[in-house]
Amino acid sequence: MADPILRMRLDTRGEIFFDIQKCDQCQDCERICPSAAIKVYPDEAKIEWDPFKCIYCHTCIRTCMHKAISALDNVEASDYEKGVKTFE
C-alpha cells in the first residue's frame, strides 16, 4: 500500500489530528518531532500543533503508543489560517 504522504493531491496539505481522549500527555510526540511543531502541556491536558512548522513526516504518529495521533490528507491548503491549532 502506498504511503499516505505520497497519495496527497498537489492542492492539499496534510493535517495532523490529536485525539485528546486517547493521549496520556507523555510528550513523546513533542520530543520526537524534528521541526518542533508540537507542544504538549500536560498540566492543562492541551496539545498545540503548528501546521506551518510541520513537515508531515508522520514520526509523531508512528511514535505514539496510544494511537492518539492520526493524519488527515484531504485538507485544502487554502483552508489554513496562519496560527497554531490547539487540541483540548
PDB file of N, CA and C in Angstrom:
ATOM      1  N   MET A   1       0.847  -1.184   0.000  1.00  0.00           N
ATOM      2  CA  MET A   1       0.000   0.000   0.000  1.00  0.00           C
ATOM      3  C   MET A   1       0.889   1.243   0.000  1.00  0.00           C
ATOM      4  N   ALA A   2       0.490   2.249  -0.742  1.00  0.00           N
ATOM      5  CA  ALA A   2       1.281   3.483  -0.865  1.00  0.00           C
ATOM      6  C   ALA A   2       1.254   4.283   0.428  1.00  0.00           C
ATOM      7  N   ASP A   3       2.332   4.961   0.686  1.00  0.00           N
ATOM      8  CA  ASP A   3       2.425   5.852   1.838  1.00  0.00           C
ATOM      9  C   ASP A   3       1.390   6.964   1.680  1.00  0.00           C
ATOM     10  N   PRO A   4       0.606   7.295   2.752  1.00  0.00           N
ATOM     11  CA  PRO A   4      -0.402   8.351   2.655  1.00  0.00           C
ATOM     12  C   PRO A   4       0.171   9.684   2.196  1.00  0.00           C
ATOM     13  N   ILE A   5       1.411   9.953   2.519  1.00  0.00           N
ATOM     14  CA  ILE A   5       2.018  11.220   2.114  1.00  0.00           C
ATOM     15  C   ILE A   5       2.110  11.273   0.583  1.00  0.00           C
ATOM     16  N   LEU A   6       2.405  10.159  -0.040  1.00  0.00           N
ATOM     17  CA  LEU A   6       2.561  10.124  -1.486  1.00  0.00           C
ATOM     18  C   LEU A   6       1.224  10.188  -2.219  1.00  0.00           C
ATOM     19  N   ARG A   7       0.124   9.854  -1.558  1.00  0.00           N
ATOM     20  CA  ARG A   7      -1.193   9.877  -2.183  1.00  0.00           C
ATOM     21  C   ARG A   7      -1.837  11.256  -2.167  1.00  0.00           C
ATOM     22  N   MET A   8      -1.286  12.209  -1.447  1.00  0.00           N
ATOM     23  CA  MET A   8      -1.896  13.532  -1.332  1.00  0.00           C
ATOM     24  C   MET A   8      -1.903  14.252  -2.674  1.00  0.00           C
ATOM     25  N   ARG A   9      -3.013  14.921  -2.963  1.00  0.00           N
ATOM     26  CA  ARG A   9      -3.085  15.740  -4.174  1.00  0.00           C
ATOM     27  C   ARG A   9      -2.181  16.955  -4.004  1.00  0.00           C
ATOM     28  N   LEU A  10      -1.781  17.549  -5.121  1.00  0.00           N
ATOM     29  CA  LEU A  10      -0.879  18.697  -5.064  1.00  0.00           C
ATOM     30  C   LEU A  10      -1.523  19.936  -4.456  1.00  0.00           C
ATOM     31  N   ASP A  11      -2.867  20.047  -4.516  1.00  0.00           N
ATOM     32  CA  ASP A  11      -3.532  21.226  -3.972  1.00  0.00           C
ATOM     33  C   ASP A  11      -3.986  21.027  -2.529  1.00  0.00           C
ATOM     34  N   THR A  12      -3.481  20.003  -1.873  1.00  0.00           N
ATOM     35  CA  THR A  12      -3.840  19.770  -0.474  1.00  0.00           C
ATOM     36  C   THR A  12      -2.599  19.806   0.390  1.00  0.00           C
ATOM     37  N   ARG A  13      -2.853  19.957   1.654  1.00  0.00           N
ATOM     38  CA  ARG A  13      -1.783  19.915   2.646  1.00  0.00           C
ATOM     39  C   ARG A  13      -2.311  19.004   3.737  1.00  0.00           C
ATOM     40  N   GLY A  14      -1.499  18.133   4.239  1.00  0.00           N
ATOM     41  CA  GLY A  14      -1.958  17.214   5.266  1.00  0.00           C
ATOM     42  C   GLY A  14      -2.308  17.934   6.553  1.00  0.00           C
ATOM     43  N   GLU A  15      -2.924  17.209   7.446  1.00  0.00           N
ATOM     44  CA  GLU A  15      -3.240  17.749   8.760  1.00  0.00           C
ATOM     45  C   GLU A  15      -3.048  16.635   9.772  1.00  0.00           C
ATOM     46  N   ILE A  16      -2.529  16.985  10.915  1.00  0.00           N
ATOM     47  CA  ILE A  16      -2.336  16.020  11.983  1.00  0.00           C
ATOM     48  C   ILE A  16      -3.447  16.241  13.001  1.00  0.00           C
ATOM     49  N   PHE A  17      -4.072  15.136  13.438  1.00  0.00           N
ATOM     50  CA  PHE A  17      -5.167  15.213  14.403  1.00  0.00           C
ATOM     51  C   PHE A  17      -4.748  14.497  15.681  1.00  0.00           C
ATOM     52  N   PHE A  18      -5.002  15.131  16.807  1.00  0.00           N
ATOM     53  CA  PHE A  18      -4.693  14.560  18.119  1.00  0.00           C
ATOM     54  C   PHE A  18      -5.994  14.225  18.828  1.00  0.00           C
ATOM     55  N   ASP A  19      -6.169  12.959  19.208  1.00  0.00           N
ATOM     56  CA  ASP A  19      -7.340  12.541  19.979  1.00  0.00           C
ATOM     57  C   ASP A  19      -6.994  12.706  21.453  1.00  0.00           C
ATOM     58  N   ILE A  20      -7.444  13.785  22.021  1.00  0.00           N
ATOM     59  CA  ILE A  20      -7.078  14.134  23.395  1.00  0.00           C
ATOM     60  C   ILE A  20      -7.595  13.104  24.405  1.00  0.00           C
ATOM     61  N   GLN A  21      -8.634  12.344  24.029  1.00  0.00           N
ATOM     62  CA  GLN A  21      -9.169  11.302  24.910  1.00  0.00           C
ATOM     63  C   GLN A  21      -8.201  10.121  25.033  1.00  0.00           C
ATOM     64  N   LYS A  22      -7.465   9.832  23.982  1.00  0.00           N
ATOM     65  CA  LYS A  22      -6.503   8.728  23.996  1.00  0.00           C
ATOM     66  C   LYS A  22      -5.132   9.149  24.515  1.00  0.00           C
ATOM     67  N   CYS A  23      -4.820  10.425  24.421  1.00  0.00           N
ATOM     68  CA  CYS A  23      -3.496  10.939  24.769  1.00  0.00           C
ATOM     69  C   CYS A  23      -3.260  10.903  26.276  1.00  0.00           C
ATOM     70  N   ASP A  24      -2.091  10.400  26.694  1.00  0.00           N
ATOM     71  CA  ASP A  24      -1.755  10.396  28.125  1.00  0.00           C
ATOM     72  C   ASP A  24      -0.747  11.491  28.481  1.00  0.00           C
ATOM     73  N   GLN A  25      -0.510  12.427  27.547  1.00  0.00           N
ATOM     74  CA  GLN A  25       0.357  13.587  27.769  1.00  0.00           C
ATOM     75  C   GLN A  25       1.810  13.193  28.063  1.00  0.00           C
ATOM     76  N   CYS A  26       2.278  12.104  27.470  1.00  0.00           N
ATOM     77  CA  CYS A  26       3.642  11.618  27.729  1.00  0.00           C
ATOM     78  C   CYS A  26       4.718  12.496  27.086  1.00  0.00           C
ATOM     79  N   GLN A  27       4.364  13.271  26.094  1.00  0.00           N
ATOM     80  CA  GLN A  27       5.255  14.196  25.398  1.00  0.00           C
ATOM     81  C   GLN A  27       6.239  13.517  24.442  1.00  0.00           C
ATOM     82  N   ASP A  28       6.048  12.242  24.154  1.00  0.00           N
ATOM     83  CA  ASP A  28       6.926  11.563  23.195  1.00  0.00           C
ATOM     84  C   ASP A  28       6.853  12.230  21.825  1.00  0.00           C
ATOM     85  N   CYS A  29       5.652  12.621  21.407  1.00  0.00           N
ATOM     86  CA  CYS A  29       5.495  13.259  20.091  1.00  0.00           C
ATOM     87  C   CYS A  29       6.232  14.590  20.031  1.00  0.00           C
ATOM     88  N   GLU A  30       6.189  15.326  21.118  1.00  0.00           N
ATOM     89  CA  GLU A  30       6.892  16.616  21.169  1.00  0.00           C
ATOM     90  C   GLU A  30       8.405  16.413  21.075  1.00  0.00           C
ATOM     91  N   ARG A  31       8.914  15.426  21.799  1.00  0.00           N
ATOM     92  CA  ARG A  31      10.354  15.159  21.803  1.00  0.00           C
ATOM     93  C   ARG A  31      10.858  14.659  20.453  1.00  0.00           C
ATOM     94  N   ILE A  32      10.040  13.868  19.759  1.00  0.00           N
ATOM     95  CA  ILE A  32      10.494  13.235  18.517  1.00  0.00           C
ATOM     96  C   ILE A  32      10.315  14.123  17.289  1.00  0.00           C
ATOM     97  N   CYS A  33       9.489  15.148  17.375  1.00  0.00           N
ATOM     98  CA  CYS A  33       9.175  15.989  16.215  1.00  0.00           C
ATOM     99  C   CYS A  33      10.421  16.743  15.736  1.00  0.00           C
ATOM    100  N   PRO A  34      10.884  16.473  14.503  1.00  0.00           N
ATOM    101  CA  PRO A  34      12.110  17.109  14.021  1.00  0.00           C
ATOM    102  C   PRO A  34      11.976  18.602  13.729  1.00  0.00           C
ATOM    103  N   SER A  35      10.746  19.080  13.599  1.00  0.00           N
ATOM    104  CA  SER A  35      10.553  20.502  13.281  1.00  0.00           C
ATOM    105  C   SER A  35       9.951  21.299  14.435  1.00  0.00           C
ATOM    106  N   ALA A  36       9.853  20.683  15.604  1.00  0.00           N
ATOM    107  CA  ALA A  36       9.309  21.341  16.804  1.00  0.00           C
ATOM    108  C   ALA A  36       7.921  21.931  16.550  1.00  0.00           C
ATOM    109  N   ALA A  37       7.076  21.160  15.844  1.00  0.00           N
ATOM    110  CA  ALA A  37       5.727  21.623  15.515  1.00  0.00           C
ATOM    111  C   ALA A  37       4.703  21.275  16.588  1.00  0.00           C
ATOM    112  N   ILE A  38       5.101  20.470  17.575  1.00  0.00           N
ATOM    113  CA  ILE A  38       4.172  20.007  18.607  1.00  0.00           C
ATOM    114  C   ILE A  38       4.627  20.491  19.968  1.00  0.00           C
ATOM    115  N   LYS A  39       3.682  20.998  20.742  1.00  0.00           N
ATOM    116  CA  LYS A  39       3.946  21.413  22.124  1.00  0.00           C
ATOM    117  C   LYS A  39       2.854  20.803  22.995  1.00  0.00           C
ATOM    118  N   VAL A  40       3.255  20.021  23.992  1.00  0.00           N
ATOM    119  CA  VAL A  40       2.316  19.363  24.894  1.00  0.00           C
ATOM    120  C   VAL A  40       2.364  20.062  26.245  1.00  0.00           C
ATOM    121  N   TYR A  41       1.185  20.363  26.772  1.00  0.00           N
ATOM    122  CA  TYR A  41       1.050  20.990  28.087  1.00  0.00           C
ATOM    123  C   TYR A  41       0.331  20.003  29.006  1.00  0.00           C
ATOM    124  N   PRO A  42       1.078  19.105  29.679  1.00  0.00           N
ATOM    125  CA  PRO A  42       0.460  18.061  30.495  1.00  0.00           C
ATOM    126  C   PRO A  42      -0.431  18.593  31.623  1.00  0.00           C
ATOM    127  N   ASP A  43      -0.041  19.683  32.232  1.00  0.00           N
ATOM    128  CA  ASP A  43      -0.827  20.218  33.346  1.00  0.00           C
ATOM    129  C   ASP A  43      -2.185  20.748  32.899  1.00  0.00           C
ATOM    130  N   GLU A  44      -2.297  21.094  31.628  1.00  0.00           N
ATOM    131  CA  GLU A  44      -3.549  21.641  31.095  1.00  0.00           C
ATOM    132  C   GLU A  44      -4.276  20.643  30.196  1.00  0.00           C
ATOM    133  N   ALA A  45      -3.709  19.454  30.002  1.00  0.00           N
ATOM    134  CA  ALA A  45      -4.252  18.456  29.077  1.00  0.00           C
ATOM    135  C   ALA A  45      -4.506  19.098  27.716  1.00  0.00           C
ATOM    136  N   LYS A  46      -3.464  19.750  27.191  1.00  0.00           N
ATOM    137  CA  LYS A  46      -3.584  20.505  25.948  1.00  0.00           C
ATOM    138  C   LYS A  46      -2.380  20.223  25.048  1.00  0.00           C
ATOM    139  N   ILE A  47      -2.632  20.177  23.744  1.00  0.00           N
ATOM    140  CA  ILE A  47      -1.584  19.991  22.745  1.00  0.00           C
ATOM    141  C   ILE A  47      -1.729  21.085  21.703  1.00  0.00           C
ATOM    142  N   GLU A  48      -0.608  21.688  21.329  1.00  0.00           N
ATOM    143  CA  GLU A  48      -0.610  22.661  20.245  1.00  0.00           C
ATOM    144  C   GLU A  48       0.192  22.087  19.087  1.00  0.00           C
ATOM    145  N   TRP A  49      -0.349  22.230  17.886  1.00  0.00           N
ATOM    146  CA  TRP A  49       0.309  21.751  16.672  1.00  0.00           C
ATOM    147  C   TRP A  49       0.362  22.897  15.673  1.00  0.00           C
ATOM    148  N   ASP A  50       1.547  23.191  15.176  1.00  0.00           N
ATOM    149  CA  ASP A  50       1.735  24.288  14.231  1.00  0.00           C
ATOM    150  C   ASP A  50       1.884  23.719  12.818  1.00  0.00           C
ATOM    151  N   PRO A  51       0.854  23.868  11.975  1.00  0.00           N
ATOM    152  CA  PRO A  51       0.921  23.297  10.627  1.00  0.00           C
ATOM    153  C   PRO A  51       1.978  23.939   9.737  1.00  0.00           C
ATOM    154  N   PHE A  52       2.457  25.104  10.105  1.00  0.00           N
ATOM    155  CA  PHE A  52       3.465  25.770   9.280  1.00  0.00           C
ATOM    156  C   PHE A  52       4.885  25.342   9.635  1.00  0.00           C
ATOM    157  N   LYS A  53       5.057  24.709  10.782  1.00  0.00           N
ATOM    158  CA  LYS A  53       6.353  24.117  11.135  1.00  0.00           C
ATOM    159  C   LYS A  53       6.406  22.643  10.736  1.00  0.00           C
ATOM    160  N   CYS A  54       5.256  21.998  10.739  1.00  0.00           N
ATOM    161  CA  CYS A  54       5.167  20.558  10.488  1.00  0.00           C
ATOM    162  C   CYS A  54       5.657  20.218   9.082  1.00  0.00           C
ATOM    163  N   ILE A  55       6.498  19.180   8.996  1.00  0.00           N
ATOM    164  CA  ILE A  55       6.990  18.718   7.696  1.00  0.00           C
ATOM    165  C   ILE A  55       6.266  17.437   7.255  1.00  0.00           C
ATOM    166  N   TYR A  56       5.258  17.015   7.998  1.00  0.00           N
ATOM    167  CA  TYR A  56       4.402  15.877   7.654  1.00  0.00           C
ATOM    168  C   TYR A  56       5.190  14.590   7.452  1.00  0.00           C
ATOM    169  N   CYS A  57       6.135  14.360   8.334  1.00  0.00           N
ATOM    170  CA  CYS A  57       6.953  13.149   8.264  1.00  0.00           C
ATOM    171  C   CYS A  57       6.261  11.957   8.929  1.00  0.00           C
ATOM    172  N   HIS A  58       5.227  12.226   9.738  1.00  0.00           N
ATOM    173  CA  HIS A  58       4.436  11.210  10.444  1.00  0.00           C
ATOM    174  C   HIS A  58       5.224  10.483  11.531  1.00  0.00           C
ATOM    175  N   THR A  59       6.352  11.014  11.924  1.00  0.00           N
ATOM    176  CA  THR A  59       7.127  10.410  13.009  1.00  0.00           C
ATOM    177  C   THR A  59       6.324  10.410  14.300  1.00  0.00           C
ATOM    178  N   CYS A  60       5.575  11.456  14.550  1.00  0.00           N
ATOM    179  CA  CYS A  60       4.750  11.536  15.758  1.00  0.00           C
ATOM    180  C   CYS A  60       3.698  10.431  15.772  1.00  0.00           C
ATOM    181  N   ILE A  61       3.109  10.154  14.626  1.00  0.00           N
ATOM    182  CA  ILE A  61       2.080   9.118  14.524  1.00  0.00           C
ATOM    183  C   ILE A  61       2.680   7.755  14.832  1.00  0.00           C
ATOM    184  N   ARG A  62       3.835   7.470  14.250  1.00  0.00           N
ATOM    185  CA  ARG A  62       4.495   6.180  14.477  1.00  0.00           C
ATOM    186  C   ARG A  62       4.993   6.041  15.911  1.00  0.00           C
ATOM    187  N   THR A  63       5.298   7.150  16.566  1.00  0.00           N
ATOM    188  CA  THR A  63       5.838   7.126  17.927  1.00  0.00           C
ATOM    189  C   THR A  63       4.761   6.931  18.986  1.00  0.00           C
ATOM    190  N   CYS A  64       3.562   7.410  18.737  1.00  0.00           N
ATOM    191  CA  CYS A  64       2.508   7.401  19.754  1.00  0.00           C
ATOM    192  C   CYS A  64       2.023   5.984  20.063  1.00  0.00           C
ATOM    193  N   MET A  65       2.328   5.494  21.257  1.00  0.00           N
ATOM    194  CA  MET A  65       1.944   4.141  21.632  1.00  0.00           C
ATOM    195  C   MET A  65       0.456   4.018  21.952  1.00  0.00           C
ATOM    196  N   HIS A  66      -0.234   5.142  22.112  1.00  0.00           N
ATOM    197  CA  HIS A  66      -1.667   5.118  22.429  1.00  0.00           C
ATOM    198  C   HIS A  66      -2.539   5.336  21.201  1.00  0.00           C
ATOM    199  N   LYS A  67      -1.906   5.467  20.028  1.00  0.00           N
ATOM    200  CA  LYS A  67      -2.629   5.699  18.769  1.00  0.00           C
ATOM    201  C   LYS A  67      -3.529   6.929  18.867  1.00  0.00           C
ATOM    202  N   ALA A  68      -3.029   7.973  19.531  1.00  0.00           N
ATOM    203  CA  ALA A  68      -3.794   9.209  19.734  1.00  0.00           C
ATOM    204  C   ALA A  68      -3.575  10.222  18.615  1.00  0.00           C
ATOM    205  N   ILE A  69      -2.683   9.922  17.685  1.00  0.00           N
ATOM    206  CA  ILE A  69      -2.365  10.866  16.609  1.00  0.00           C
ATOM    207  C   ILE A  69      -2.662  10.199  15.272  1.00  0.00           C
ATOM    208  N   SER A  70      -3.330  10.932  14.409  1.00  0.00           N
ATOM    209  CA  SER A  70      -3.621  10.411  13.075  1.00  0.00           C
ATOM    210  C   SER A  70      -3.434  11.517  12.045  1.00  0.00           C
ATOM    211  N   ALA A  71      -3.351  11.109  10.788  1.00  0.00           N
ATOM    212  CA  ALA A  71      -3.149  12.067   9.700  1.00  0.00           C
ATOM    213  C   ALA A  71      -4.404  12.156   8.853  1.00  0.00           C
ATOM    214  N   LEU A  72      -4.750  13.366   8.508  1.00  0.00           N
ATOM    215  CA  LEU A  72      -5.827  13.624   7.558  1.00  0.00           C
ATOM    216  C   LEU A  72      -5.153  14.184   6.321  1.00  0.00           C
ATOM    217  N   ASP A  73      -5.469  13.652   5.159  1.00  0.00           N
ATOM    218  CA  ASP A  73      -4.770  14.107   3.956  1.00  0.00           C
ATOM    219  C   ASP A  73      -5.691  14.774   2.938  1.00  0.00           C
ATOM    220  N   ASN A  74      -6.831  15.258   3.388  1.00  0.00           N
ATOM    221  CA  ASN A  74      -7.784  15.838   2.449  1.00  0.00           C
ATOM    222  C   ASN A  74      -8.105  17.298   2.762  1.00  0.00           C
ATOM    223  N   VAL A  75      -7.184  18.013   3.347  1.00  0.00           N
ATOM    224  CA  VAL A  75      -7.416  19.395   3.743  1.00  0.00           C
ATOM    225  C   VAL A  75      -6.884  20.319   2.655  1.00  0.00           C
ATOM    226  N   GLU A  76      -7.723  21.205   2.162  1.00  0.00           N
ATOM    227  CA  GLU A  76      -7.299  22.159   1.141  1.00  0.00           C
ATOM    228  C   GLU A  76      -6.249  23.101   1.723  1.00  0.00           C
ATOM    229  N   ALA A  77      -5.183  23.311   1.022  1.00  0.00           N
ATOM    230  CA  ALA A  77      -4.106  24.178   1.506  1.00  0.00           C
ATOM    231  C   ALA A  77      -4.610  25.580   1.784  1.00  0.00           C
ATOM    232  N   SER A  78      -5.542  26.058   0.987  1.00  0.00           N
ATOM    233  CA  SER A  78      -6.050  27.416   1.176  1.00  0.00           C
ATOM    234  C   SER A  78      -6.949  27.549   2.399  1.00  0.00           C
ATOM    235  N   ASP A  79      -7.356  26.417   3.009  1.00  0.00           N
ATOM    236  CA  ASP A  79      -8.212  26.450   4.195  1.00  0.00           C
ATOM    237  C   ASP A  79      -7.457  26.816   5.460  1.00  0.00           C
ATOM    238  N   TYR A  80      -6.139  26.781   5.420  1.00  0.00           N
ATOM    239  CA  TYR A  80      -5.357  27.046   6.616  1.00  0.00           C
ATOM    240  C   TYR A  80      -5.353  28.518   6.976  1.00  0.00           C
ATOM    241  N   GLU A  81      -5.575  28.773   8.244  1.00  0.00           N
ATOM    242  CA  GLU A  81      -5.366  30.111   8.782  1.00  0.00           C
ATOM    243  C   GLU A  81      -4.005  30.079   9.450  1.00  0.00           C
ATOM    244  N   LYS A  82      -3.271  31.151   9.335  1.00  0.00           N
ATOM    245  CA  LYS A  82      -1.951  31.196   9.958  1.00  0.00           C
ATOM    246  C   LYS A  82      -2.137  31.157  11.464  1.00  0.00           C
ATOM    247  N   GLY A  83      -1.522  30.226  12.112  1.00  0.00           N
ATOM    248  CA  GLY A  83      -1.624  30.096  13.553  1.00  0.00           C
ATOM    249  C   GLY A  83      -1.466  28.654  13.988  1.00  0.00           C
ATOM    250  N   VAL A  84      -1.541  28.456  15.266  1.00  0.00           N
ATOM    251  CA  VAL A  84      -1.335  27.162  15.887  1.00  0.00           C
ATOM    252  C   VAL A  84      -2.690  26.557  16.214  1.00  0.00           C
ATOM    253  N   LYS A  85      -2.867  25.250  15.943  1.00  0.00           N
ATOM    254  CA  LYS A  85      -4.099  24.559  16.310  1.00  0.00           C
ATOM    255  C   LYS A  85      -3.928  24.004  17.716  1.00  0.00           C
ATOM    256  N   THR A  86      -4.961  24.146  18.535  1.00  0.00           N
ATOM    257  CA  THR A  86      -4.931  23.653  19.907  1.00  0.00           C
ATOM    258  C   THR A  86      -5.945  22.530  20.066  1.00  0.00           C
ATOM    259  N   PHE A  87      -5.536  21.449  20.702  1.00  0.00           N
ATOM    260  CA  PHE A  87      -6.407  20.313  20.994  1.00  0.00           C
ATOM    261  C   PHE A  87      -6.538  20.221  22.503  1.00  0.00           C
ATOM    262  N   GLU A  88      -7.777  20.279  22.989  1.00  0.00           N
ATOM    263  CA  GLU A  88      -8.011  20.204  24.440  1.00  0.00           C
ATOM    264  C   GLU A  88      -9.081  19.186  24.731  1.00  0.00           C
TER     265      GLU A  88
END
